[in-house]
């Protein structure tokens, strides 16, 4: 199972040229086994509200449409994942990224991310 980080979801939906060759193959070969976190929806909403991201639809509609178009599933966010994220080594300051790492570790996802800080976490399967 594959967990997409926020920029991977954005690039998949808005600019697939930004995806690596390995990411493109992974997305194609894992259709039906691709997940996003509800925290990714939060991050997209925050970026839109701050003017850092412009979407053609309101963020909630855009997110739902992206999941539908690409056959993505939403994974769960639990207190166990929250506590695991808070116990991670301080390799990354972004709380959403730390939650994505903890989610991937907790649920045995491979995290599809270009972020080298995320890929540095121990006990985490990543691909880019």
Protein backbone atom coordinates (compact mmCIF):
# COMPACT_ATOMS: atom_id res chain seq x y z
CA UNK A 1 0.00 0.00 0.00
CA UNK A 2 1.18 3.49 -0.90
CA UNK A 3 0.64 6.73 1.04
CA UNK A 4 0.99 9.93 -0.98
CA UNK A 5 2.42 13.00 0.68
CA UNK A 6 0.77 16.33 -0.05
CA UNK A 7 3.05 17.47 -2.86
CA UNK A 8 2.74 14.07 -4.54
CA UNK A 9 -1.05 14.41 -4.53
CA UNK A 10 -0.81 17.96 -5.86
CA UNK A 11 1.58 16.94 -8.64
CA UNK A 12 -0.49 13.88 -9.52
CA UNK A 13 -3.52 16.11 -9.95
CA UNK A 14 -2.05 19.40 -11.20
CA UNK A 15 1.35 18.77 -12.83
CA UNK A 16 2.37 15.16 -13.45
CA UNK A 17 5.62 16.32 -15.07
CA UNK A 18 6.87 16.96 -11.52
CA UNK A 19 6.57 13.27 -10.62
CA UNK A 20 9.69 11.12 -10.85
CA UNK A 21 9.71 8.18 -13.25
CA UNK A 22 9.67 5.79 -10.28
CA UNK A 23 6.72 7.65 -8.71
CA UNK A 24 4.78 7.52 -11.98
CA UNK A 25 5.34 3.77 -12.28
CA UNK A 26 4.44 3.25 -8.62
CA UNK A 27 1.19 5.15 -9.00
CA UNK A 28 0.24 3.18 -12.10
CA UNK A 29 1.18 -0.23 -10.66
CA UNK A 30 -0.57 0.34 -7.33
CA UNK A 31 -3.94 1.55 -8.59
CA UNK A 32 -6.54 0.69 -5.95
CA UNK A 33 -3.90 0.61 -3.21
CA UNK A 34 -3.16 4.35 -3.05
CA UNK A 35 -3.98 6.35 0.10
CA UNK A 36 -3.92 9.92 1.33
CA UNK A 37 -4.17 11.22 4.86
CA UNK A 38 -6.95 13.52 6.06
CA UNK A 39 -4.08 15.76 7.17
CA UNK A 40 -3.25 16.23 3.49
CA UNK A 41 -6.73 17.75 3.06
CA UNK A 42 -5.97 20.05 6.00
CA UNK A 43 -2.64 21.10 4.49
CA UNK A 44 -4.21 21.81 1.10
CA UNK A 45 -6.91 23.88 2.81
CA UNK A 46 -4.30 25.83 4.75
CA UNK A 47 -2.16 26.51 1.67
CA UNK A 48 -5.23 27.69 -0.23
CA UNK A 49 -6.38 29.96 2.61
CA UNK A 50 -2.89 31.48 2.83
CA UNK A 51 -2.81 32.18 -0.91
CA UNK A 52 0.09 29.77 -1.49
CA UNK A 53 -2.03 27.44 -3.62
CA UNK A 54 -4.66 28.34 -6.19
CA UNK A 55 -7.19 25.67 -7.14
CA UNK A 56 -9.99 25.72 -9.70
CA UNK A 57 -12.47 24.49 -7.07
CA UNK A 58 -12.94 25.18 -3.35
CA UNK A 59 -10.44 23.01 -1.45
CA UNK A 60 -13.00 20.54 -0.06
CA UNK A 61 -14.49 19.93 -3.50
CA UNK A 62 -11.05 19.78 -5.11
CA UNK A 63 -9.84 17.18 -2.60
CA UNK A 64 -12.92 14.98 -3.00
CA UNK A 65 -12.64 15.22 -6.78
CA UNK A 66 -8.91 14.35 -6.72
CA UNK A 67 -9.64 11.22 -4.68
CA UNK A 68 -12.42 10.22 -7.06
CA UNK A 69 -10.44 10.88 -10.25
CA UNK A 70 -7.39 8.95 -9.12
CA UNK A 71 -9.07 6.16 -7.17
CA UNK A 72 -7.45 7.23 -3.91
CA UNK A 73 -8.59 6.12 -0.48
CA UNK A 74 -8.42 8.11 2.72
CA UNK A 75 -6.50 6.46 5.54
CA UNK A 76 -7.31 6.98 9.20
CA UNK A 77 -5.71 9.38 11.65
CA UNK A 78 -5.76 8.07 15.21
CA UNK A 79 -4.42 9.02 18.61
CA UNK A 80 -1.89 6.19 18.23
CA UNK A 81 -0.55 7.84 15.09
CA UNK A 82 -0.55 11.26 16.79
CA UNK A 83 1.50 9.92 19.71
CA UNK A 84 3.85 8.08 17.37
CA UNK A 85 4.41 11.32 15.41
CA UNK A 86 5.23 13.20 18.61
CA UNK A 87 7.84 10.57 19.53
CA UNK A 88 9.68 10.67 16.19
CA UNK A 89 13.23 12.01 16.05
CA UNK A 90 13.30 15.72 15.21
CA UNK A 91 14.42 15.27 11.59
CA UNK A 92 11.51 17.32 10.26
CA UNK A 93 9.77 20.29 11.89
CA UNK A 94 6.57 20.15 9.79
CA UNK A 95 3.89 18.49 11.94
CA UNK A 96 1.87 17.27 8.94
CA UNK A 97 4.93 15.56 7.49
CA UNK A 98 5.70 13.98 10.87
CA UNK A 99 2.12 12.65 10.98
CA UNK A 100 2.52 11.22 7.47
CA UNK A 101 5.70 9.45 8.58
CA UNK A 102 3.97 8.05 11.67
CA UNK A 103 0.98 6.95 9.57
CA UNK A 104 3.22 5.14 7.12
CA UNK A 105 5.14 3.45 9.92
CA UNK A 106 2.00 2.51 11.84
CA UNK A 107 0.06 1.13 8.88
CA UNK A 108 2.98 -0.36 6.88
CA UNK A 109 2.60 2.05 3.97
CA UNK A 110 5.35 3.01 1.57
CA UNK A 111 5.42 6.81 1.60
CA UNK A 112 5.66 8.33 -1.87
CA UNK A 113 7.58 11.57 -1.31
CA UNK A 114 10.33 13.67 -2.89
CA UNK A 115 11.23 15.19 0.52
CA UNK A 116 14.74 14.10 1.59
CA UNK A 117 14.02 15.01 5.23
CA UNK A 118 11.10 12.58 5.28
CA UNK A 119 13.13 9.88 3.53
CA UNK A 120 15.77 10.14 6.29
CA UNK A 121 13.50 8.68 8.97
CA UNK A 122 14.46 5.21 10.19
CA UNK A 123 12.00 2.33 9.89
CA UNK A 124 10.20 4.02 7.02
CA UNK A 125 9.71 2.69 3.52
CA UNK A 126 9.79 5.50 0.96
CA UNK A 127 9.92 5.79 -2.79
CA UNK A 128 10.60 8.60 -5.20
